[in-house]
Amino acid sequence: MRFFRKYDIRLYFALIAALSGIGLAVWVLMTPPFIGVADNGDFSRLMRIAGFRYLDTQETYADRYFAYAHEHYGYKSNWGSAYVTTQILLLAVIGWIARIFNGQVFDIRWFGAVYTLLFATAVYLFIRYLPAIPGRKAATAAVSVLAGIMLLFVFGDVGYLAYFQSFFGEPYALLGMLLATASAFAMASQDKPGGRLLALFVIAAFAVVTSKIQNAPLGFAFALLAWRMLPLREDRRWHRQVLTGIAVLLASSVLMIVAAPSGLKQINLYQSIFYGVLKDSPDVARDMKELGIPDKYAVLAGTNYFQKGTAIPQNDPVLDREVLRKLGHKDIAAYYFRHPGRFVQKLEKAAENAVFVRPYYLGNYVKSEGKPRGALSHFFSVWSEWKVHRMPRSLGWFVGFYVLYFAGLIAYWLRSSSHRVRLGLESMAAVGLAGLFSAVVPILGDGEADLGKHLFMFNVCFDMMVVSAGAAAVYGIVRGLSRRGVSEGLAERSS
C-alpha cells in the first residue's frame, strides 16, 4: 500500500488502460479470424512506393478489390509516382524491419502491431494526465477508470481498428490526431513540460497534416495551438523549440497544398465542379454561366471523374483546357460564398454521411475464411453501429452538438485564470476546429465523391469531442459527489 501511496495513482490506471488497449486490438484483429479492410483501388498509391506488392499475381479483379482483405503481401523495389504523404516513410521502415524476419512474404499484421503500440501510447497519455481530484485518490481512480473505458469503447471499435491492417491512410491520421491531442494535454498538466512531449506533439500533428492533401489545412489549427504553448516555460530554449514547431507545421501545410500532383488536382477539381456545384443544381445553366463553363459541358453535371460512359470523357484535353485549367478551388469556394444556401445543402448531404466510421462496401475477411463476399466483422462494433443506426444524421444535430460543446469550453475557459487549464480547453477546441475543417474541405475539394470515407477525420474529431465531453461530465459528477461526502463527514464530526 505504501508503494501505491508514493506515486500518482493515475500512472497505474494509465498503464492498465494502455495494456487493455493492446489486448483489445490483438483480440479484435490478430486472433482468428484475421480482420483487415479490402482494397478499393487506393492501396497501390502507397504500395508501389513503399515497397510492397500483391502476393498472387494471377488473382482476379473480383478477389483483389472490394470483397476481401489480404493478410500477406510480397515485396518489390520502391518505384512509381510518389503519393503525397509522409505515411510512406513509416510503412517503408516497417517493411524493411519485417524483411529481416521473412524476406519473401510480408504479414500485414506488422502494421497492426505498430499502429497498436501507437494507439496504446495515446491511451496512456490521455489517462495519465487526466485532471486529478485533489486529496481524493478513490475519486481520481474512478474518473480514470471510466474515462479509460469510454476511450477504448469508442476508439477500440472494429470500425477504427480494422484500418490498422490495411494500406489506407486513415490509421496514420487517426493516431496522429490522438497523439497530438494527448501530448498537448500532457504538456498543459505539467509545471515544466519537456522537449520530448513537444516533439511528440509536433511529429504527431505533422503526421496528420501530411497524411493526405485533404488534411493539409489542419496544420494552421495545430500551429495556433502550439503558439499557445509558448507561456508554459519562460526559457529561451523552450521558445525556440515551440517556434520551430510552429514553423514546421505551417510549412508542412503550405507544402502539402503546393506539392499536390497536377493530375490529382484535376480529378478533385472535376469532382468539385460536376459532382459538387452542378450536382442537384436547381439551375445548371445559370451555375455554369457564373463559373464560365461552356454550355456543351452541361451533360457532365452530376457525373464523377471515374464514371464510365460519360458523353464527354473526363480526361478529354479540350475539357481540361476550357474548364479545369481555367478554374480553381478558390472559384468553388467563392461560388459557395455567394450562394450560402447551396453550401448548406452540401453540408446537409455531408451530415447524412458523417456517421460512417468505416466503409461498408469493403470486406473485412480474407477469402480463405469462407465468408460471403464483402462480409463485415461486427465484433466489438457497438459504437460504430450505434452511430449508423441510431445517431441522428441531420445538419441541425451536428450544429447543436458543436454549439453546446464550444459553449461549455468557452464557459470553463472564462471561469479559469490558469493558462494550463485554458490550454487543455483550447486543445479540445482545436479538435473541434479540425472537425469543422474536415467537414468543409471534402465538399470544396472533392464534391460529394465518396463522402462517407472522406469524412473519416470528421468522425475522429467528433468522437474525440464525445469522449472528452463524457470524461468532463464524469469528472464533474465524481468531484461533486466527493465534495459532498467530505462536507457531510465534517458536518457529522461537528455535530
Protein backbone atom coordinates (compact mmCIF):
# COMPACT_ATOMS: atom_id res chain seq x y z
CA MET A 1 0.00 0.00 0.00
CA ARG A 2 2.90 2.37 0.70
CA PHE A 3 4.12 1.81 -2.82
CA PHE A 4 0.77 2.94 -4.25
CA ARG A 5 0.62 5.95 -1.96
CA LYS A 6 4.03 7.12 -3.11
CA TYR A 7 3.10 7.61 -6.76
CA ASP A 8 0.30 9.29 -8.69
CA ILE A 9 -2.50 6.73 -8.92
CA ARG A 10 -3.26 7.87 -12.48
CA LEU A 11 0.03 6.29 -13.55
CA TYR A 12 -1.18 2.79 -12.72
CA PHE A 13 -4.55 3.22 -14.36
CA ALA A 14 -2.86 4.69 -17.43
CA LEU A 15 -0.67 1.59 -17.71
CA ILE A 16 -3.70 -0.66 -17.23
CA ALA A 17 -5.63 1.27 -19.90
CA ALA A 18 -2.70 1.09 -22.36
CA LEU A 19 -2.28 -2.66 -21.81
CA SER A 20 -6.04 -3.09 -22.17
CA GLY A 21 -5.87 -1.23 -25.48
CA ILE A 22 -3.16 -3.58 -26.70
CA GLY A 23 -5.11 -6.62 -25.54
CA LEU A 24 -8.29 -5.37 -27.21
CA ALA A 25 -6.54 -4.69 -30.52
CA VAL A 26 -4.86 -8.09 -30.51
CA TRP A 27 -8.16 -9.77 -29.68
CA VAL A 28 -10.12 -7.93 -32.38
CA LEU A 29 -7.50 -8.02 -35.14
CA MET A 30 -4.99 -10.80 -34.71
CA THR A 31 -6.77 -13.74 -33.13
CA PRO A 32 -8.63 -15.86 -35.71
CA PRO A 33 -10.31 -14.83 -37.85
CA PHE A 34 -7.90 -12.23 -39.25
CA ILE A 35 -9.53 -8.81 -39.71
CA GLY A 36 -8.44 -6.18 -42.21
CA VAL A 37 -10.01 -3.95 -44.86
CA ALA A 38 -10.36 -4.73 -48.56
CA ASP A 39 -8.66 -2.61 -51.20
CA ASN A 40 -10.89 -0.12 -53.04
CA GLY A 41 -8.12 0.66 -55.52
CA ASP A 42 -6.26 3.13 -53.27
CA PHE A 43 -3.71 0.67 -51.88
CA SER A 44 -1.43 0.91 -54.91
CA ARG A 45 -0.68 4.58 -54.21
CA LEU A 46 1.23 3.57 -51.09
CA MET A 47 2.27 0.02 -52.01
CA ARG A 48 4.17 0.90 -55.16
CA ILE A 49 6.40 3.48 -53.49
CA ALA A 50 6.70 1.90 -50.02
CA GLY A 51 8.00 -1.39 -51.47
CA PHE A 52 5.05 -3.80 -51.45
CA ARG A 53 3.03 -5.76 -54.00
CA TYR A 54 0.21 -8.27 -54.10
CA LEU A 55 1.49 -11.78 -53.49
CA ASP A 56 -0.72 -13.54 -56.05
CA THR A 57 -0.05 -12.03 -59.47
CA GLN A 58 -2.82 -14.19 -61.01
CA GLU A 59 -5.50 -13.04 -58.61
CA THR A 60 -8.73 -11.89 -60.26
CA TYR A 61 -10.00 -8.33 -60.00
CA ALA A 62 -13.08 -9.57 -58.13
CA ASP A 63 -10.96 -11.24 -55.46
CA ARG A 64 -8.42 -8.44 -55.14
CA TYR A 65 -10.73 -5.46 -54.77
CA PHE A 66 -13.66 -4.58 -52.50
CA ALA A 67 -14.66 -8.08 -51.36
CA TYR A 68 -11.76 -9.50 -49.34
CA ALA A 69 -8.98 -8.28 -47.07
CA HIS A 70 -5.46 -9.65 -47.55
CA GLU A 71 -3.16 -10.84 -44.81
CA HIS A 72 0.00 -11.47 -46.83
CA TYR A 73 1.80 -9.40 -49.45
CA GLY A 74 5.04 -9.58 -51.37
CA TYR A 75 7.96 -7.19 -51.57
CA LYS A 76 9.19 -5.22 -54.55
CA SER A 77 11.56 -2.43 -55.41
CA ASN A 78 10.38 1.03 -54.45
CA TRP A 79 9.11 2.66 -57.62
CA GLY A 80 6.22 4.57 -59.06
CA SER A 81 4.94 8.11 -58.84
CA ALA A 82 5.01 9.29 -55.25
CA TYR A 83 1.71 9.81 -53.49
CA VAL A 84 1.98 12.93 -51.36
CA THR A 85 2.03 11.60 -47.79
CA THR A 86 4.68 11.01 -45.14
CA GLN A 87 2.96 7.72 -44.27
CA ILE A 88 5.14 6.18 -46.98
CA LEU A 89 8.17 6.57 -44.71
CA LEU A 90 6.54 4.74 -41.81
CA LEU A 91 5.32 1.86 -43.99
CA ALA A 92 8.68 1.54 -45.73
CA VAL A 93 10.53 1.34 -42.40
CA ILE A 94 8.12 -1.32 -41.12
CA GLY A 95 8.66 -3.25 -44.35
CA TRP A 96 12.45 -3.12 -44.02
CA ILE A 97 12.24 -4.45 -40.46
CA ALA A 98 9.79 -7.17 -41.47
CA ARG A 99 12.15 -8.38 -44.23
CA ILE A 100 14.70 -9.32 -41.59
CA PHE A 101 12.29 -11.98 -40.33
CA ASN A 102 10.81 -13.04 -43.68
CA GLY A 103 12.27 -11.72 -46.90
CA GLN A 104 9.64 -13.30 -49.15
CA VAL A 105 6.27 -12.65 -47.56
CA PHE A 106 5.09 -9.57 -45.68
CA ASP A 107 2.47 -10.13 -42.99
CA ILE A 108 0.32 -7.00 -42.71
CA ARG A 109 -0.08 -7.69 -39.01
CA TRP A 110 3.25 -5.86 -38.73
CA PHE A 111 1.28 -2.70 -39.49
CA GLY A 112 -1.33 -3.75 -36.95
CA ALA A 113 1.32 -4.23 -34.27
CA VAL A 114 2.98 -0.84 -34.81
CA TYR A 115 -0.31 1.03 -35.00
CA THR A 116 -1.48 -0.77 -31.85
CA LEU A 117 1.58 0.41 -29.91
CA LEU A 118 0.96 3.98 -31.05
CA PHE A 119 -2.69 3.65 -30.04
CA ALA A 120 -1.67 2.37 -26.59
CA THR A 121 0.71 5.32 -26.21
CA ALA A 122 -2.11 7.77 -26.88
CA VAL A 123 -4.40 5.97 -24.42
CA TYR A 124 -1.65 6.04 -21.78
CA LEU A 125 -1.08 9.80 -22.17
CA PHE A 126 -4.78 10.64 -22.03
CA ILE A 127 -5.36 8.71 -18.78
CA ARG A 128 -2.03 9.59 -17.18
CA TYR A 129 -2.68 13.32 -17.45
CA LEU A 130 -6.39 13.50 -16.68
CA PRO A 131 -7.16 16.21 -14.11
CA ALA A 132 -6.84 14.76 -10.61
CA ILE A 133 -9.31 15.41 -7.80
CA PRO A 134 -7.11 16.89 -5.06
CA GLY A 135 -6.84 14.72 -1.99
CA ARG A 136 -9.32 12.15 -3.27
CA LYS A 137 -7.46 9.17 -4.74
CA ALA A 138 -10.54 6.97 -4.92
CA ALA A 139 -12.41 9.65 -6.85
CA THR A 140 -9.43 10.17 -9.19
CA ALA A 141 -9.26 6.40 -9.72
CA ALA A 142 -12.97 6.30 -10.59
CA VAL A 143 -12.56 9.08 -13.17
CA SER A 144 -9.52 7.32 -14.67
CA VAL A 145 -11.34 4.00 -14.99
CA LEU A 146 -14.48 5.47 -16.55
CA ALA A 147 -12.52 7.71 -18.93
CA GLY A 148 -10.39 4.73 -20.00
CA ILE A 149 -13.49 2.63 -20.66
CA MET A 150 -15.02 5.38 -22.82
CA LEU A 151 -11.78 5.86 -24.75
CA LEU A 152 -11.39 2.16 -25.53
CA PHE A 153 -15.10 1.66 -26.20
CA VAL A 154 -15.07 4.34 -28.91
CA PHE A 155 -11.62 4.10 -30.48
CA GLY A 156 -11.19 0.37 -29.89
CA ASP A 157 -14.21 -0.21 -32.11
CA VAL A 158 -13.53 -2.60 -35.00
CA GLY A 159 -14.51 0.19 -37.39
CA TYR A 160 -11.35 2.04 -36.37
CA LEU A 161 -9.08 -0.91 -35.56
CA ALA A 162 -9.67 -2.77 -38.83
CA TYR A 163 -7.91 0.07 -40.67
CA PHE A 164 -4.72 -0.83 -38.77
CA GLN A 165 -4.24 -3.84 -41.06
CA SER A 166 -4.56 -2.08 -44.39
CA PHE A 167 -2.72 0.31 -46.71
CA PHE A 168 -5.21 3.10 -46.10
CA GLY A 169 -4.10 6.45 -44.70
CA GLU A 170 -6.87 6.55 -42.11
CA PRO A 171 -4.99 4.88 -39.20
CA TYR A 172 -2.00 7.18 -39.73
CA ALA A 173 -4.23 10.26 -39.47
CA LEU A 174 -6.28 8.83 -36.59
CA LEU A 175 -3.25 8.03 -34.45
CA GLY A 176 -1.60 11.32 -35.29
CA MET A 177 -4.71 13.15 -34.08
CA LEU A 178 -4.94 11.13 -30.86
CA LEU A 179 -1.23 11.52 -30.07
CA ALA A 180 -1.15 15.24 -30.88
CA THR A 181 -4.10 15.94 -28.59
CA ALA A 182 -2.85 13.63 -25.83
CA SER A 183 0.61 15.24 -25.82
CA ALA A 184 -0.95 18.71 -25.72
CA PHE A 185 -2.97 17.64 -22.67
CA ALA A 186 0.15 16.22 -21.07
CA MET A 187 2.09 19.45 -21.54
CA ALA A 188 -0.81 21.50 -20.15
CA SER A 189 -0.83 19.44 -16.95
CA GLN A 190 2.90 19.73 -16.15
CA ASP A 191 4.67 22.52 -14.32
CA LYS A 192 7.61 22.36 -16.69
CA PRO A 193 6.88 20.25 -19.79
CA GLY A 194 9.85 18.75 -21.55
CA GLY A 195 11.04 18.91 -25.12
CA ARG A 196 10.12 15.26 -25.74
CA LEU A 197 6.41 15.88 -25.29
CA LEU A 198 6.64 18.95 -27.51
CA ALA A 199 8.46 16.89 -30.14
CA LEU A 200 5.75 14.23 -29.93
CA PHE A 201 3.08 16.89 -30.42
CA VAL A 202 4.82 18.36 -33.46
CA ILE A 203 5.56 14.96 -35.03
CA ALA A 204 2.00 13.71 -34.45
CA ALA A 205 0.44 16.92 -35.77
CA PHE A 206 2.85 16.79 -38.73
CA ALA A 207 1.66 13.24 -39.45
CA VAL A 208 -1.96 14.40 -39.53
CA VAL A 209 -1.19 17.35 -41.79
CA THR A 210 0.87 15.27 -44.21
CA SER A 211 -1.33 12.16 -44.13
CA LYS A 212 -3.25 13.38 -47.18
CA ILE A 213 -3.80 16.66 -49.01
CA GLN A 214 -7.32 16.88 -47.59
CA ASN A 215 -5.84 17.29 -44.08
CA ALA A 216 -3.25 19.91 -45.04
CA PRO A 217 -5.29 22.88 -43.70
CA LEU A 218 -5.28 21.33 -40.21
CA GLY A 219 -1.68 22.48 -39.82
CA PHE A 220 -2.89 26.04 -39.25
CA ALA A 221 -5.06 24.92 -36.30
CA PHE A 222 -2.18 22.92 -34.80
CA ALA A 223 0.22 25.84 -35.29
CA LEU A 224 -2.20 28.13 -33.40
CA LEU A 225 -2.37 25.62 -30.56
CA ALA A 226 1.44 25.39 -30.49
CA TRP A 227 1.66 29.18 -30.24
CA ARG A 228 -0.43 28.96 -27.06
CA MET A 229 2.24 26.66 -25.60
CA LEU A 230 4.86 29.42 -25.52
CA PRO A 231 3.98 30.63 -21.98
CA LEU A 232 4.34 27.13 -20.48
CA ARG A 233 8.01 27.89 -19.90
CA GLU A 234 9.96 31.12 -19.83
CA ASP A 235 13.37 29.91 -21.01
CA ARG A 236 14.63 30.76 -24.49
CA ARG A 237 15.30 27.17 -25.40
CA TRP A 238 11.63 26.30 -24.98
CA HIS A 239 10.57 29.30 -27.01
CA ARG A 240 12.94 28.33 -29.82
CA GLN A 241 11.58 24.78 -29.79
CA VAL A 242 7.97 25.95 -29.90
CA LEU A 243 8.62 28.47 -32.66
CA THR A 244 10.45 25.79 -34.65
CA GLY A 245 7.44 23.50 -34.24
CA ILE A 246 5.09 26.25 -35.42
CA ALA A 247 7.26 26.85 -38.48
CA VAL A 248 7.31 23.12 -39.29
CA LEU A 249 3.52 22.84 -39.07
CA LEU A 250 2.86 25.94 -41.15
CA ALA A 251 5.41 24.93 -43.78
CA SER A 252 4.04 21.39 -43.98
CA SER A 253 0.53 22.71 -44.64
CA VAL A 254 1.70 25.02 -47.39
CA LEU A 255 3.98 22.44 -48.99
CA MET A 256 1.26 19.76 -48.99
CA ILE A 257 -1.10 22.10 -50.82
CA VAL A 258 1.54 23.29 -53.28
CA ALA A 259 3.02 19.82 -53.89
CA ALA A 260 -0.29 18.21 -54.84
CA PRO A 261 0.21 16.40 -58.19
CA SER A 262 -1.45 18.21 -61.10
CA GLY A 263 -3.31 15.04 -62.07
CA LEU A 264 -4.82 14.75 -58.61
CA LYS A 265 -5.76 18.42 -58.65
CA GLN A 266 -7.54 17.85 -61.98
CA ILE A 267 -9.53 14.92 -60.62
CA ASN A 268 -10.52 16.78 -57.46
CA LEU A 269 -11.47 19.90 -59.38
CA TYR A 270 -13.65 17.89 -61.77
CA GLN A 271 -15.39 16.34 -58.76
CA SER A 272 -15.84 19.74 -57.09
CA ILE A 273 -17.47 21.19 -60.20
CA PHE A 274 -19.50 18.44 -61.80
CA TYR A 275 -20.12 16.22 -58.76
CA GLY A 276 -20.33 19.17 -56.39
CA VAL A 277 -21.61 22.55 -57.57
CA LEU A 278 -23.54 21.20 -60.58
CA LYS A 279 -24.84 18.05 -58.89
CA ASP A 280 -28.51 18.53 -57.96
CA SER A 281 -28.28 22.18 -59.00
CA PRO A 282 -31.70 23.82 -59.43
CA ASP A 283 -30.32 25.80 -62.39
CA VAL A 284 -27.36 24.13 -64.06
CA ALA A 285 -27.20 26.64 -66.91
CA ARG A 286 -27.03 29.59 -64.53
CA ASP A 287 -24.32 27.99 -62.40
CA MET A 288 -22.26 27.08 -65.45
CA LYS A 289 -22.51 30.62 -66.77
CA GLU A 290 -21.47 32.02 -63.42
CA LEU A 291 -18.40 29.77 -63.35
CA GLY A 292 -17.59 30.46 -67.01
CA ILE A 293 -18.14 26.86 -68.18
CA PRO A 294 -19.25 26.37 -71.84
CA ASP A 295 -22.82 25.12 -72.27
CA LYS A 296 -21.74 21.92 -74.00
CA TYR A 297 -20.46 20.51 -70.72
CA ALA A 298 -23.93 20.53 -69.14
CA VAL A 299 -24.14 16.81 -69.99
CA LEU A 300 -21.46 16.17 -67.34
CA ALA A 301 -23.44 17.71 -64.47
CA GLY A 302 -23.82 15.12 -61.73
CA THR A 303 -21.07 12.82 -63.04
CA ASN A 304 -17.90 11.90 -61.18
CA TYR A 305 -14.41 11.57 -62.62
CA PHE A 306 -14.33 7.77 -62.50
CA GLN A 307 -17.76 7.21 -64.01
CA LYS A 308 -17.71 5.31 -67.28
CA GLY A 309 -19.67 6.06 -70.45
CA THR A 310 -20.00 9.82 -69.98
CA ALA A 311 -20.95 11.88 -73.04
CA ILE A 312 -17.58 13.64 -72.88
CA PRO A 313 -14.60 11.72 -71.42
CA GLN A 314 -13.37 13.16 -68.14
CA ASN A 315 -9.78 13.19 -69.40
CA ASP A 316 -10.67 15.00 -72.63
CA PRO A 317 -7.89 17.51 -73.34
CA VAL A 318 -10.37 20.14 -74.54
CA LEU A 319 -12.33 19.83 -71.28
CA ASP A 320 -9.07 20.19 -69.42
CA ARG A 321 -8.12 23.32 -71.37
CA GLU A 322 -11.54 25.00 -71.36
CA VAL A 323 -12.61 24.22 -67.80
CA LEU A 324 -10.16 22.55 -65.45
CA ARG A 325 -7.19 24.79 -66.21
CA LYS A 326 -9.29 27.95 -66.02
CA LEU A 327 -10.94 27.26 -62.69
CA GLY A 328 -9.54 26.51 -59.25
CA HIS A 329 -10.82 25.53 -55.83
CA LYS A 330 -10.86 29.20 -54.87
CA ASP A 331 -13.56 29.67 -57.52
CA ILE A 332 -15.57 26.87 -55.94
CA ALA A 333 -15.19 28.47 -52.51
CA ALA A 334 -16.22 31.85 -53.94
CA TYR A 335 -19.31 30.30 -55.54
CA TYR A 336 -20.48 28.82 -52.22
CA PHE A 337 -19.74 32.14 -50.50
CA ARG A 338 -22.09 33.86 -52.95
CA HIS A 339 -24.68 31.08 -52.58
CA PRO A 340 -24.69 30.06 -48.90
CA GLY A 341 -27.96 28.21 -49.35
CA ARG A 342 -26.31 25.83 -51.81
CA PHE A 343 -23.43 25.31 -49.39
CA VAL A 344 -25.87 24.45 -46.61
CA GLN A 345 -27.42 21.87 -48.95
CA LYS A 346 -23.99 20.28 -49.39
CA LEU A 347 -23.42 20.33 -45.63
CA GLU A 348 -26.75 18.56 -45.18
CA LYS A 349 -25.55 15.88 -47.60
CA ALA A 350 -22.31 15.65 -45.63
CA ALA A 351 -24.27 15.27 -42.37
CA GLU A 352 -26.08 12.26 -43.85
CA ASN A 353 -22.70 10.62 -44.50
CA ALA A 354 -20.88 11.79 -41.35
CA VAL A 355 -21.74 8.76 -39.21
CA PHE A 356 -19.72 6.10 -41.02
CA VAL A 357 -16.56 5.19 -39.14
CA ARG A 358 -15.73 2.60 -41.80
CA PRO A 359 -16.73 2.00 -45.43
CA TYR A 360 -19.48 -0.62 -45.52
CA TYR A 361 -18.69 -1.61 -49.09
CA LEU A 362 -15.26 -3.04 -48.20
CA GLY A 363 -15.00 -6.54 -46.73
CA ASN A 364 -13.03 -7.38 -43.58
CA TYR A 365 -12.23 -11.08 -44.02
CA VAL A 366 -9.69 -12.96 -46.12
CA LYS A 367 -11.21 -15.21 -48.78
CA SER A 368 -9.99 -18.41 -47.10
CA GLU A 369 -12.37 -17.79 -44.19
CA GLY A 370 -15.24 -18.75 -46.49
CA LYS A 371 -17.33 -15.72 -45.58
CA PRO A 372 -19.72 -14.13 -48.11
CA ARG A 373 -18.16 -11.58 -50.45
CA GLY A 374 -17.75 -8.23 -48.73
CA ALA A 375 -18.66 -9.64 -45.29
CA LEU A 376 -18.04 -7.27 -42.37
CA SER A 377 -16.90 -8.06 -38.86
CA HIS A 378 -19.30 -6.81 -36.19
CA PHE A 379 -17.18 -7.97 -33.28
CA PHE A 380 -16.81 -5.07 -30.82
CA SER A 381 -18.69 -2.66 -33.07
CA VAL A 382 -21.34 -1.27 -30.71
CA TRP A 383 -20.20 2.33 -31.11
CA SER A 384 -19.85 2.38 -34.90
CA GLU A 385 -23.13 0.51 -35.37
CA TRP A 386 -24.94 2.84 -32.97
CA LYS A 387 -23.75 5.83 -34.97
CA VAL A 388 -25.01 4.34 -38.23
CA HIS A 389 -28.36 3.06 -36.98
CA ARG A 390 -29.28 5.32 -34.05
CA MET A 391 -27.46 8.63 -34.15
CA PRO A 392 -29.24 11.50 -35.97
CA ARG A 393 -27.87 12.32 -39.41
CA SER A 394 -29.14 15.87 -39.68
CA LEU A 395 -27.11 19.05 -40.00
CA GLY A 396 -29.12 20.50 -37.11
CA TRP A 397 -27.95 17.69 -34.81
CA PHE A 398 -24.28 18.31 -35.53
CA VAL A 399 -24.65 22.10 -35.33
CA GLY A 400 -26.44 21.75 -31.98
CA PHE A 401 -23.73 19.44 -30.62
CA TYR A 402 -20.99 21.83 -31.74
CA VAL A 403 -22.75 24.84 -30.21
CA LEU A 404 -23.16 23.10 -26.84
CA TYR A 405 -19.61 21.75 -26.93
CA PHE A 406 -17.99 25.11 -27.65
CA ALA A 407 -20.32 26.89 -25.23
CA GLY A 408 -19.08 24.56 -22.50
CA LEU A 409 -15.43 25.12 -23.42
CA ILE A 410 -15.87 28.89 -23.50
CA ALA A 411 -17.68 28.91 -20.15
CA TYR A 412 -14.90 26.93 -18.44
CA TRP A 413 -12.22 28.99 -20.22
CA LEU A 414 -13.72 32.24 -18.89
CA ARG A 415 -14.06 30.85 -15.36
CA SER A 416 -10.42 29.75 -15.18
CA SER A 417 -7.44 32.06 -14.81
CA SER A 418 -4.89 29.24 -15.19
CA HIS A 419 -3.09 29.22 -18.51
CA ARG A 420 -2.58 25.46 -18.23
CA VAL A 421 -6.28 24.77 -17.73
CA ARG A 422 -7.07 27.08 -20.61
CA LEU A 423 -4.54 25.31 -22.81
CA GLY A 424 -6.24 21.98 -22.10
CA LEU A 425 -9.58 23.50 -23.10
CA GLU A 426 -8.00 25.04 -26.18
CA SER A 427 -6.63 21.63 -27.14
CA MET A 428 -10.18 20.29 -27.29
CA ALA A 429 -11.29 23.42 -29.12
CA ALA A 430 -8.57 22.66 -31.70
CA VAL A 431 -10.08 19.18 -32.11
CA GLY A 432 -13.47 20.73 -32.79
CA LEU A 433 -11.94 23.20 -35.22
CA ALA A 434 -10.16 20.35 -37.01
CA GLY A 435 -13.54 18.61 -37.27
CA LEU A 436 -15.04 21.68 -38.94
CA PHE A 437 -12.16 21.81 -41.42
CA SER A 438 -12.62 18.11 -42.10
CA ALA A 439 -16.31 18.58 -42.88
CA VAL A 440 -15.88 21.55 -45.20
CA VAL A 441 -12.70 20.65 -47.11
CA PRO A 442 -14.09 17.48 -48.79
CA ILE A 443 -17.03 19.47 -50.19
CA LEU A 444 -14.80 22.19 -51.57
CA GLY A 445 -12.09 19.79 -52.69
CA ASP A 446 -13.96 16.76 -53.99
CA GLY A 447 -17.67 17.47 -54.16
CA GLU A 448 -19.90 14.64 -53.00
CA ALA A 449 -17.49 11.90 -54.11
CA ASP A 450 -17.23 9.08 -51.54
CA LEU A 451 -18.28 11.47 -48.78
CA GLY A 452 -18.57 8.75 -46.15
CA LYS A 453 -14.89 7.85 -46.45
CA HIS A 454 -13.69 11.43 -46.94
CA LEU A 455 -15.38 12.42 -43.67
CA PHE A 456 -13.29 9.95 -41.67
CA MET A 457 -11.33 12.71 -39.93
CA PHE A 458 -14.59 14.45 -39.05
CA ASN A 459 -15.67 11.19 -37.37
CA VAL A 460 -12.40 11.05 -35.46
CA CYS A 461 -12.75 14.62 -34.21
CA PHE A 462 -16.44 14.22 -33.39
CA ASP A 463 -15.75 11.04 -31.42
CA MET A 464 -12.91 12.74 -29.55
CA MET A 465 -15.31 15.53 -28.67
CA VAL A 466 -17.86 12.98 -27.41
CA VAL A 467 -15.27 11.19 -25.27
CA SER A 468 -13.86 14.43 -23.84
CA ALA A 469 -17.35 15.75 -23.05
CA GLY A 470 -18.19 12.42 -21.40
CA ALA A 471 -14.97 12.44 -19.38
CA ALA A 472 -15.62 16.04 -18.30
CA ALA A 473 -19.13 15.10 -17.17
CA VAL A 474 -17.79 12.12 -15.20
CA TYR A 475 -15.12 14.32 -13.61
CA GLY A 476 -17.71 16.90 -12.58
CA ILE A 477 -20.09 14.32 -11.13
CA VAL A 478 -17.41 12.39 -9.23
CA ARG A 479 -15.83 15.58 -7.90
CA GLY A 480 -19.22 16.87 -6.81
CA LEU A 481 -20.02 13.61 -5.01
CA SER A 482 -16.61 13.53 -3.32
CA ARG A 483 -17.04 17.11 -2.09
CA ARG A 484 -20.49 16.27 -0.82
CA GLY A 485 -19.06 13.29 1.02
CA VAL A 486 -16.38 15.44 2.64
CA SER A 487 -18.86 18.12 3.69
CA GLU A 488 -21.24 15.55 5.18
CA GLY A 489 -18.35 13.97 7.08
CA LEU A 490 -17.34 17.33 8.53
CA ALA A 491 -20.94 18.05 9.48
CA GLU A 492 -21.19 14.76 11.36
CA ARG A 493 -17.97 15.44 13.22
CA SER A 494 -19.06 18.93 14.21
CA SER A 495 -22.37 17.66 15.48
